[in-house]
Amino acid sequence: MEEQWQCEEFCVHDKVLAEIEPKRISEAQSQQTAELFKALGDATRMKILYYLLQKELCVCDLTVLVGASQSAVSHQLRILRNLHIVYGKKEGKQVIYSICNDHVRRLLEEALAFS
């Protein structure tokens, strides 16, 4: 017989809920966080992020390292840019990308250490 992993009787713990209520996650925050993890769920984007953890890189260098076309890498970078995971800066005719901030950097380092 399979053990059931749910409450046998539904009962609400008012004190616990009252304590948690001020800390409820907003719909926008839960959606944004889910989008972040969805972005990290793509192997090409993870390769891009791994290399950007090492050093700021231009799109051309990333195409060689990732082994994808420039348009494919640019598309993935656009997704990461829109989620504020990476940012690009124009230097002459090149666009140099880097990780957005230390929070994102730590998250990526922890995720890579886990695997």
N, C-alpha and C. Protein backbone atom coordinates (compact mmCIF):
# COMPACT_ATOMS: atom_id res chain seq x y z
N MET A 1 0.84 -1.18 0.00
CA MET A 1 0.00 0.00 0.00
C MET A 1 0.89 1.25 0.00
N GLU A 2 0.58 2.17 -0.89
CA GLU A 2 1.37 3.40 -1.02
C GLU A 2 1.00 4.39 0.07
N GLU A 3 2.05 4.95 0.69
CA GLU A 3 1.84 5.94 1.74
C GLU A 3 1.40 7.26 1.12
N GLN A 4 0.41 7.91 1.72
CA GLN A 4 -0.07 9.20 1.20
C GLN A 4 0.66 10.34 1.89
N TRP A 5 1.11 11.29 1.07
CA TRP A 5 1.85 12.43 1.57
C TRP A 5 1.00 13.69 1.51
N GLN A 6 -0.13 13.62 2.20
CA GLN A 6 -0.99 14.79 2.34
C GLN A 6 -1.73 14.67 3.67
N CYS A 7 -2.25 15.78 4.12
CA CYS A 7 -2.98 15.77 5.38
C CYS A 7 -4.22 14.88 5.25
N GLU A 8 -4.47 14.12 6.28
CA GLU A 8 -5.66 13.28 6.27
C GLU A 8 -6.91 14.08 6.59
N GLU A 9 -6.70 15.20 7.26
CA GLU A 9 -7.82 16.07 7.64
C GLU A 9 -7.41 17.51 7.36
N PHE A 10 -8.29 18.24 6.69
CA PHE A 10 -7.99 19.64 6.36
C PHE A 10 -8.25 20.52 7.57
N CYS A 11 -7.19 21.19 8.04
CA CYS A 11 -7.36 22.15 9.14
C CYS A 11 -6.40 23.30 8.91
N VAL A 12 -6.88 24.50 9.10
CA VAL A 12 -6.10 25.71 8.87
C VAL A 12 -5.49 26.15 10.19
N HIS A 13 -4.22 26.49 10.16
CA HIS A 13 -3.50 26.96 11.35
C HIS A 13 -3.45 28.49 11.30
N ASP A 14 -4.43 29.12 11.91
CA ASP A 14 -4.59 30.58 11.83
C ASP A 14 -3.36 31.35 12.29
N LYS A 15 -2.71 30.90 13.36
CA LYS A 15 -1.53 31.61 13.87
C LYS A 15 -0.39 31.55 12.85
N VAL A 16 -0.20 30.41 12.24
CA VAL A 16 0.86 30.25 11.24
C VAL A 16 0.56 31.15 10.04
N LEU A 17 -0.67 31.13 9.58
CA LEU A 17 -1.05 31.94 8.42
C LEU A 17 -0.93 33.44 8.72
N ALA A 18 -1.28 33.84 9.92
CA ALA A 18 -1.16 35.25 10.31
C ALA A 18 0.31 35.68 10.31
N GLU A 19 1.19 34.79 10.69
CA GLU A 19 2.62 35.09 10.71
C GLU A 19 3.17 35.21 9.28
N ILE A 20 2.69 34.38 8.38
CA ILE A 20 3.18 34.35 7.01
C ILE A 20 2.54 35.42 6.14
N GLU A 21 1.32 35.82 6.44
CA GLU A 21 0.56 36.74 5.59
C GLU A 21 1.33 37.98 5.16
N PRO A 22 2.04 38.68 6.05
CA PRO A 22 2.78 39.88 5.60
C PRO A 22 3.92 39.55 4.64
N LYS A 23 4.32 38.30 4.57
CA LYS A 23 5.45 37.89 3.73
C LYS A 23 4.99 37.19 2.45
N ARG A 24 3.71 37.27 2.14
CA ARG A 24 3.20 36.60 0.93
C ARG A 24 3.90 37.12 -0.31
N ILE A 25 4.12 36.23 -1.24
CA ILE A 25 4.76 36.61 -2.50
C ILE A 25 3.70 37.17 -3.45
N SER A 26 4.04 38.24 -4.12
CA SER A 26 3.09 38.82 -5.08
C SER A 26 3.06 37.97 -6.35
N GLU A 27 2.00 38.13 -7.09
CA GLU A 27 1.89 37.41 -8.37
C GLU A 27 3.02 37.82 -9.30
N ALA A 28 3.34 39.12 -9.33
CA ALA A 28 4.41 39.62 -10.19
C ALA A 28 5.76 39.03 -9.80
N GLN A 29 6.03 38.97 -8.51
CA GLN A 29 7.32 38.43 -8.05
C GLN A 29 7.43 36.94 -8.33
N SER A 30 6.34 36.20 -8.12
CA SER A 30 6.40 34.76 -8.39
C SER A 30 6.57 34.51 -9.88
N GLN A 31 5.93 35.32 -10.73
CA GLN A 31 6.07 35.18 -12.17
C GLN A 31 7.48 35.51 -12.62
N GLN A 32 8.04 36.59 -12.09
CA GLN A 32 9.39 37.01 -12.46
C GLN A 32 10.42 35.96 -12.04
N THR A 33 10.26 35.40 -10.87
CA THR A 33 11.19 34.38 -10.38
C THR A 33 11.08 33.11 -11.22
N ALA A 34 9.86 32.73 -11.57
CA ALA A 34 9.66 31.56 -12.43
C ALA A 34 10.31 31.78 -13.79
N GLU A 35 10.20 32.99 -14.34
CA GLU A 35 10.83 33.30 -15.62
C GLU A 35 12.35 33.21 -15.52
N LEU A 36 12.91 33.64 -14.41
CA LEU A 36 14.36 33.53 -14.20
C LEU A 36 14.79 32.08 -14.26
N PHE A 37 14.09 31.22 -13.53
CA PHE A 37 14.48 29.81 -13.51
C PHE A 37 14.19 29.12 -14.84
N LYS A 38 13.16 29.58 -15.54
CA LYS A 38 12.89 29.05 -16.87
C LYS A 38 14.05 29.40 -17.81
N ALA A 39 14.56 30.61 -17.68
CA ALA A 39 15.68 31.04 -18.50
C ALA A 39 16.91 30.19 -18.22
N LEU A 40 17.10 29.81 -16.97
CA LEU A 40 18.25 29.01 -16.59
C LEU A 40 18.08 27.55 -17.02
N GLY A 41 16.87 27.18 -17.44
CA GLY A 41 16.58 25.81 -17.83
C GLY A 41 16.97 25.48 -19.26
N ASP A 42 17.63 26.38 -19.96
CA ASP A 42 18.04 26.15 -21.34
C ASP A 42 19.56 25.95 -21.38
N ALA A 43 20.01 24.87 -22.01
CA ALA A 43 21.43 24.52 -22.02
C ALA A 43 22.28 25.59 -22.71
N THR A 44 21.79 26.16 -23.80
CA THR A 44 22.57 27.19 -24.50
C THR A 44 22.72 28.43 -23.63
N ARG A 45 21.64 28.84 -22.98
CA ARG A 45 21.74 30.02 -22.10
C ARG A 45 22.67 29.74 -20.92
N MET A 46 22.65 28.52 -20.41
CA MET A 46 23.56 28.20 -19.30
C MET A 46 25.01 28.24 -19.75
N LYS A 47 25.28 27.79 -20.97
CA LYS A 47 26.65 27.88 -21.48
C LYS A 47 27.08 29.35 -21.58
N ILE A 48 26.21 30.17 -22.13
CA ILE A 48 26.50 31.60 -22.24
C ILE A 48 26.80 32.18 -20.87
N LEU A 49 25.95 31.88 -19.90
CA LEU A 49 26.12 32.42 -18.55
C LEU A 49 27.39 31.89 -17.89
N TYR A 50 27.69 30.62 -18.11
CA TYR A 50 28.92 30.04 -17.56
C TYR A 50 30.14 30.82 -18.06
N TYR A 51 30.19 31.08 -19.36
CA TYR A 51 31.33 31.80 -19.90
C TYR A 51 31.36 33.25 -19.44
N LEU A 52 30.20 33.85 -19.28
CA LEU A 52 30.16 35.23 -18.78
C LEU A 52 30.54 35.31 -17.30
N LEU A 53 30.41 34.22 -16.58
CA LEU A 53 30.91 34.20 -15.20
C LEU A 53 32.43 34.31 -15.19
N GLN A 54 33.07 33.82 -16.24
CA GLN A 54 34.53 33.83 -16.32
C GLN A 54 35.06 35.21 -16.68
N LYS A 55 34.35 35.88 -17.62
CA LYS A 55 34.87 37.13 -18.16
C LYS A 55 33.79 37.81 -19.00
N GLU A 56 33.85 39.14 -19.10
CA GLU A 56 32.99 39.86 -20.04
C GLU A 56 33.39 39.43 -21.45
N LEU A 57 32.40 39.16 -22.29
CA LEU A 57 32.69 38.65 -23.63
C LEU A 57 31.81 39.30 -24.68
N CYS A 58 32.32 39.40 -25.90
CA CYS A 58 31.51 39.91 -27.00
C CYS A 58 30.72 38.75 -27.61
N VAL A 59 29.73 39.10 -28.41
CA VAL A 59 28.87 38.10 -29.04
C VAL A 59 29.70 37.14 -29.90
N CYS A 60 30.69 37.66 -30.60
CA CYS A 60 31.52 36.82 -31.48
C CYS A 60 32.25 35.74 -30.69
N ASP A 61 32.85 36.12 -29.56
CA ASP A 61 33.55 35.14 -28.72
C ASP A 61 32.57 34.10 -28.17
N LEU A 62 31.38 34.57 -27.77
CA LEU A 62 30.39 33.64 -27.24
C LEU A 62 29.93 32.64 -28.30
N THR A 63 29.83 33.05 -29.56
CA THR A 63 29.41 32.11 -30.60
C THR A 63 30.40 30.96 -30.74
N VAL A 64 31.70 31.29 -30.65
CA VAL A 64 32.74 30.25 -30.74
C VAL A 64 32.68 29.34 -29.52
N LEU A 65 32.60 29.93 -28.33
CA LEU A 65 32.59 29.13 -27.10
C LEU A 65 31.36 28.24 -26.99
N VAL A 66 30.21 28.78 -27.37
CA VAL A 66 28.95 28.04 -27.24
C VAL A 66 28.75 27.06 -28.39
N GLY A 67 29.34 27.38 -29.54
CA GLY A 67 29.19 26.51 -30.71
C GLY A 67 27.84 26.70 -31.39
N ALA A 68 27.39 27.93 -31.44
CA ALA A 68 26.11 28.26 -32.08
C ALA A 68 26.31 29.45 -32.99
N SER A 69 25.33 29.70 -33.85
CA SER A 69 25.43 30.84 -34.76
C SER A 69 25.31 32.16 -34.00
N GLN A 70 25.78 33.22 -34.63
CA GLN A 70 25.70 34.53 -33.99
C GLN A 70 24.25 34.92 -33.75
N SER A 71 23.36 34.60 -34.70
CA SER A 71 21.95 34.96 -34.50
C SER A 71 21.33 34.17 -33.35
N ALA A 72 21.72 32.90 -33.21
CA ALA A 72 21.19 32.09 -32.10
C ALA A 72 21.68 32.62 -30.76
N VAL A 73 22.96 32.96 -30.68
CA VAL A 73 23.52 33.50 -29.43
C VAL A 73 22.89 34.85 -29.13
N SER A 74 22.74 35.69 -30.14
CA SER A 74 22.12 37.01 -29.94
C SER A 74 20.69 36.87 -29.44
N HIS A 75 19.96 35.89 -29.98
CA HIS A 75 18.59 35.64 -29.53
C HIS A 75 18.57 35.26 -28.05
N GLN A 76 19.47 34.36 -27.65
CA GLN A 76 19.52 33.94 -26.24
C GLN A 76 19.94 35.11 -25.34
N LEU A 77 20.87 35.91 -25.81
CA LEU A 77 21.29 37.08 -25.04
C LEU A 77 20.15 38.08 -24.88
N ARG A 78 19.33 38.23 -25.89
CA ARG A 78 18.18 39.13 -25.79
C ARG A 78 17.23 38.66 -24.69
N ILE A 79 17.00 37.36 -24.62
CA ILE A 79 16.15 36.80 -23.56
C ILE A 79 16.76 37.10 -22.19
N LEU A 80 18.05 36.85 -22.06
CA LEU A 80 18.74 37.09 -20.78
C LEU A 80 18.77 38.57 -20.43
N ARG A 81 18.92 39.43 -21.44
CA ARG A 81 18.90 40.88 -21.21
C ARG A 81 17.54 41.34 -20.73
N ASN A 82 16.49 40.84 -21.37
CA ASN A 82 15.12 41.23 -21.00
C ASN A 82 14.77 40.81 -19.58
N LEU A 83 15.40 39.76 -19.09
CA LEU A 83 15.18 39.29 -17.72
C LEU A 83 16.16 39.92 -16.72
N HIS A 84 16.99 40.82 -17.21
CA HIS A 84 17.98 41.53 -16.37
C HIS A 84 18.98 40.56 -15.73
N ILE A 85 19.36 39.55 -16.49
CA ILE A 85 20.37 38.59 -16.05
C ILE A 85 21.74 39.01 -16.58
N VAL A 86 21.76 39.52 -17.81
CA VAL A 86 23.00 40.05 -18.40
C VAL A 86 22.72 41.45 -18.93
N TYR A 87 23.79 42.17 -19.18
CA TYR A 87 23.65 43.45 -19.86
C TYR A 87 24.79 43.59 -20.87
N GLY A 88 24.52 44.36 -21.90
CA GLY A 88 25.52 44.59 -22.94
C GLY A 88 25.89 46.05 -23.01
N LYS A 89 27.13 46.30 -23.36
CA LYS A 89 27.58 47.68 -23.57
C LYS A 89 28.32 47.73 -24.89
N LYS A 90 28.07 48.78 -25.62
CA LYS A 90 28.67 48.96 -26.94
C LYS A 90 30.08 49.49 -26.77
N GLU A 91 31.04 48.83 -27.40
CA GLU A 91 32.43 49.29 -27.43
C GLU A 91 32.87 49.28 -28.88
N GLY A 92 32.81 50.43 -29.50
CA GLY A 92 33.11 50.51 -30.93
C GLY A 92 32.05 49.76 -31.72
N LYS A 93 32.51 48.76 -32.49
CA LYS A 93 31.57 47.97 -33.29
C LYS A 93 31.14 46.69 -32.58
N GLN A 94 31.60 46.50 -31.38
CA GLN A 94 31.28 45.28 -30.64
C GLN A 94 30.33 45.57 -29.49
N VAL A 95 29.60 44.53 -29.09
CA VAL A 95 28.77 44.60 -27.88
C VAL A 95 29.37 43.59 -26.90
N ILE A 96 29.75 44.10 -25.74
CA ILE A 96 30.37 43.27 -24.70
C ILE A 96 29.32 42.97 -23.65
N TYR A 97 29.17 41.69 -23.32
CA TYR A 97 28.17 41.27 -22.35
C TYR A 97 28.81 40.85 -21.04
N SER A 98 28.06 41.05 -19.97
CA SER A 98 28.49 40.59 -18.64
C SER A 98 27.27 40.26 -17.81
N ILE A 99 27.53 39.60 -16.70
CA ILE A 99 26.47 39.26 -15.74
C ILE A 99 25.99 40.55 -15.10
N CYS A 100 24.70 40.66 -14.89
CA CYS A 100 24.07 41.91 -14.44
C CYS A 100 24.55 42.39 -13.07
N ASN A 101 24.57 41.49 -12.08
CA ASN A 101 24.93 41.93 -10.73
C ASN A 101 25.42 40.75 -9.90
N ASP A 102 25.90 41.05 -8.71
CA ASP A 102 26.46 40.00 -7.85
C ASP A 102 25.41 38.99 -7.40
N HIS A 103 24.16 39.43 -7.25
CA HIS A 103 23.10 38.50 -6.85
C HIS A 103 22.93 37.41 -7.91
N VAL A 104 22.86 37.82 -9.17
CA VAL A 104 22.73 36.86 -10.27
C VAL A 104 23.98 35.99 -10.34
N ARG A 105 25.14 36.60 -10.16
CA ARG A 105 26.41 35.86 -10.19
C ARG A 105 26.41 34.76 -9.12
N ARG A 106 26.01 35.09 -7.90
CA ARG A 106 25.99 34.10 -6.81
C ARG A 106 24.99 32.98 -7.10
N LEU A 107 23.83 33.35 -7.62
CA LEU A 107 22.82 32.36 -7.96
C LEU A 107 23.37 31.36 -8.98
N LEU A 108 24.02 31.87 -10.01
CA LEU A 108 24.59 31.01 -11.05
C LEU A 108 25.71 30.12 -10.49
N GLU A 109 26.57 30.71 -9.68
CA GLU A 109 27.66 29.93 -9.09
C GLU A 109 27.13 28.81 -8.21
N GLU A 110 26.09 29.10 -7.44
CA GLU A 110 25.48 28.07 -6.60
C GLU A 110 24.84 26.98 -7.45
N ALA A 111 24.15 27.37 -8.51
CA ALA A 111 23.50 26.39 -9.40
C ALA A 111 24.55 25.50 -10.05
N LEU A 112 25.66 26.08 -10.49
CA LEU A 112 26.70 25.29 -11.13
C LEU A 112 27.41 24.39 -10.13
N ALA A 113 27.54 24.82 -8.91
CA ALA A 113 28.17 23.99 -7.88
C ALA A 113 27.29 22.79 -7.52
N PHE A 114 26.00 22.95 -7.68
CA PHE A 114 25.03 21.90 -7.35
C PHE A 114 25.12 20.74 -8.34
N SER A 115 25.44 21.05 -9.59
CA SER A 115 25.44 20.00 -10.63
C SER A 115 26.73 19.21 -10.67
